[in-house]
Amino acid sequence: KSQVIVSYTRQKYKPLRTSVKMNEKIMCRRGEVIAAVKVRQRHIQWAHQRRQHQEVTNSKCVELVYAHLRHLYKNNKGTCSRVHITNRNKRIPPAQTLQCNGITTNPNIFINRSSSSSSTSRSSNDPTNSNYRDMPKHRTADAYQYDVINNSNNQNNKNNNNENINKNYNHNNTAVNIILSDYSEAFASLVAAGPLNDANNNITTGSNSAESGTLNDVGNNNITKALQSSAVSNDDDAPFELSDELLDSLRGTHSLPQQPMYTNDFAVHIPAGRQMADLIANKYGFINEGQVGSLKDYYLFHHRRVAKRSLRLSSEHHSALNSEPEVRWMQQQHEKLRKKRDGSYTTLPGYSPYDVIRPGAGFVGAPGSRLAYHPTASARSSSALLSRAPRIQYRAATSHNIFPDPLFKEQWYLNGGAKDGLDMNIGPAWQKGYTGKGVVVSILDDGIQTNHPDLAQNYDPDASFDINGNDSDPTPQDNGDNKHGTRCAGEVAAVAFNNYCGVGVAYNASIGGVRMLDGKVNDVVEAQALSLNPSHIDIYSASWGPEDDGSTVDGPGPLARRAFIYGVTSGRQGKGSIFVWASGNGGRYTDSCNCDGYTNSIFTLSISSATQGGFKPWYLEECSSTLATTYSSGTPGHDKSVATVDMDGRLRPDHICTVEHTGTSASAPLAAGICALALEANPNLTWRDMQYLVVYTSRPSPLEKESGWILNGVKRKYSHKFGYGLMDAGAMVSLAEQWTTVPPQHICKSRENNEDRKIEGSYGYTLATHMDVNGCAGTINEVRYLEHVQCRITLRFFPRGNLRILLTSPMGTTSTLLFERPRDIVKSNFDDWPFLSVHFWGEKAEGRWTLQVINGGRRRVNQPGILSKWQLIFYGTAVQPMRLKSDLMQQQMRVSAGVNPYTYPTESDLGQPPNEGGYYNA
């Protein structure tokens, strides 16, 4: 009877220490699998090494192991039928102990190795057990250990299956026991999701139960073929060789880490309406869960007999739905990796807010009361949401220092505590009487604590929903990890004058929260959040996005994109929803927010961060889509962070405030609060009006100590780090009072340049190409005054992270669309990716635009790349967009001797019209 042992060993910042010879390396996401393989007929060992600062989510590495096991079993004519998981990590709550096929393994068993189906129930870690004595000595409890016992006597095991199922987990012919000693739930969940299911190999595991899910084949034909071509020698001492074809497939295409994990949810578009959708769902065994958010005629179908997590599409159900003429579009949902954009934090040492509070009896969150936490699915009921305290709106502050709230003194970004006495001029807006009254803000995150004593009075249930739990209560799970949304909410609308924590920027605004990051995220989840009650919610604030690892290129799916469009066209009774987004925390990995499709969108206000001293923080990402900046944290121990509310709960009772909210996560809510003040000053502002106000009033001067400021063609300063500068609440509300809605947006598309151009592999090589356009002059799409410019690029170059891409306007402004990303070494292509720049705001569109693609990275390039297509899309107006209510106000804005931050260039400023010929009318 053959045995296979697969061991993943965890090390910290040290080379892998093992007696097994290391033959090859295979790159995996956020870590690497070292093929330290020495094969005998009965024994295979693998080792996994990771760095401490990298979160372990190497689910694809598990697939690689499975793929090799399949190959081995195929050669040995064996099969694998069961997977059992044992959780030995005390840091994972007992409720999350992993199960497979309805069988929970014994958490006390260190290793489960049974030599035959008729063995006794002796514990596998018993030293008298011969299998235990035969364990490799380098295996420890601090390791991922995979034990696969392959018994070749299938018939005997089958006969004894029922007898031994509860003794030693030998089912049919195989038992797999997995011990997890790290906190990586993502790593565990892939294995725990269910059995392997590979029709091409001789391994099928588990039952067909829909509840257990299915972990399918790796799903890449090249890898499957490569695995089949890798031979196992019959010699006991012969090494297991990984074929070059397999290595090339893994390294070159990045197919394993990018393989989507499909779920049993299907999004469908059925214009015929709900009744027809119900008929189609019933016909094929689906459950129609209802409309996706506010997207009309888009429905969510759920199928109980489709695997909850699978690496393969369900072709049967795809074919069935596509065969229906009423189904215009459908998509099986797959999981998306989304990260909160905060950093490390601590609670204010020695601070207890209850020491300085004397709230009246019965107030929600009074001393000694237990704040509610999000109930489990079984305990959740319609009455879970606690009643709110009466809403009290306080008068605007007339002085910076009149707030009795104990943490206001720590809110340096509100009270002049930044370097040189600077802040974001919130005080002047408060003195004008603007505190966010009548404005509704919703935080799209992991939920908010609805009865927090510093939020309860401003909490708005109509701006809230629990998408993860499908109920109306957005209170997060009380597990110590879901404080992010509550903290962001406190920055916007923490109640003033109540002796709790600090104050929100818009402390009289209504605040809601959407619980969407406290579970699996997919396109439907994002679309539901982005389109929640758009006639009621004014501002959506999001401090999350794709992974900021320096290699990911990702963005919203088709439903989320449609939700953005619906929001700006139909939200706020047609004035457009305002989406505020954190630009990203990938600075330490030289990531670029132009590779994040949420911040790289014309529909979002992308907000960056600055430190208390006015410099760029270590986590800042540079890109051309950042519109403006607010203050946030900097270097730990040197710069202060953001003070806000914190989630109280069972794990940390009476700790309801923090002074350590960090990252661009803290910047976006501050910007949302400032936008709320501007909306109170002028409720008729559209989503584009708000972007104009931000561009015109943001100040470069507090941040000019940091290098990189450039003047564009209309003499407005911009930066790839900070956009147009630090947001100024006082200036925004003053301008909002006099603002008149901008003219309709025009969209002008240039021709597509489809000529293939070679990108040489030599360091410093520059490919320059240009395009002459006339801004669609003479058409209904004419653009003379620019807002956003998109450059859609399709190219292939390996490694992709070597590239820097520049775009130069006819007025001589150069914007860097992409900086080098040294960690982006696996992918090789951009496919019609829309790089966005806001640096040409106010310039003219007509003239010659130049695109430069530079090989600026130091990594070796084996062959030239190809720029196969690029196209420009101009967004703007045909007439002067700025029209104020007061001529006096406009005169006051005209600045003598230089830059006028509020006006567009005159006809003479724009220069002579371009030469005729060579222009394209979109």
Foldseek 3Di string as FASTA:
>chain_A
DAWEKEWEAEDEPDPDDDPQAFDDWFDFPQFTWTLSFWFALRYTYTYTYHYPVTADQRQLVVLVVVLLVLLSCQVVVFEAAEEAEAEQAVLDDPVPQFGAQPDHDDNPQQDFDDQDLPDFLPRPCPPVDPVNVPDDPVDDSNIWIKIKHFAPPQVVQQVCQVVCCPRRNCHRGMYIYTYDHDPRPNNVCLRRLYWEDEPVTRYTYHDLFQRSFYEYHLPDPQLSVQSNPFDDDNHRRDTRDRDPSNSCCCFAAVSSNPQWKFAQKKKWAFQVDDVVVVVLCVVVQWDWPDAQAPDPRITITGHSSHGGTYSDDPVVVVVSLVVDPRTPDMDTWTFADKDFFWDDFDFDPPDFLLVFADDDPPQQPHPPDAQDADDDLVPDDPCSDDDFDAADDDWFDQAQPPFLAVASVLQCQRRQNFPPSHHQALNLLSNVGFQLAPAEEEEEFQFARCRQNQQRNQEDLLREDEPVSGGSHRGHHPPPPGWLRHFLQFQQAGATNRRHWHGHSNNNHRYYYYRQHRDTDILSSLLNNLNRPLLRHAEYEYRMFHDLQLAAQDEHDPSNVVSLVCQQQPGNNGLGHAYEYEQWQNQLQQHASLSTHVLQDPRYAYEAEAFSHQEHASRFHFAQSHAFYHYAHHDPPPTWGQKGFTDAHDVHHSRTIRRTIGGSSNIRSNVVNLVSSQCVLPVSHGNVNSSLLQQLAADAVSNPVYDAWDQDLQRQIAGRRGRRHYNHSNSSSVQSNFFDFFDDKAKFKFDKDQDKDKAFQDAFTKDKDKAFAQQLPPDPRRAFFFFKKWKFWKKFFAQPLQKWKWKAAQSGDIGTLDHRRVVNGRGTIRDRRIRMHRNRGQAGHGGMMMMMITRNDDDGGDGIMIGRIMMMMTMHDPDFGTDTNDPVVVVVQDDPDDHRSNGHDDPVSNPDRDDDDRHDND
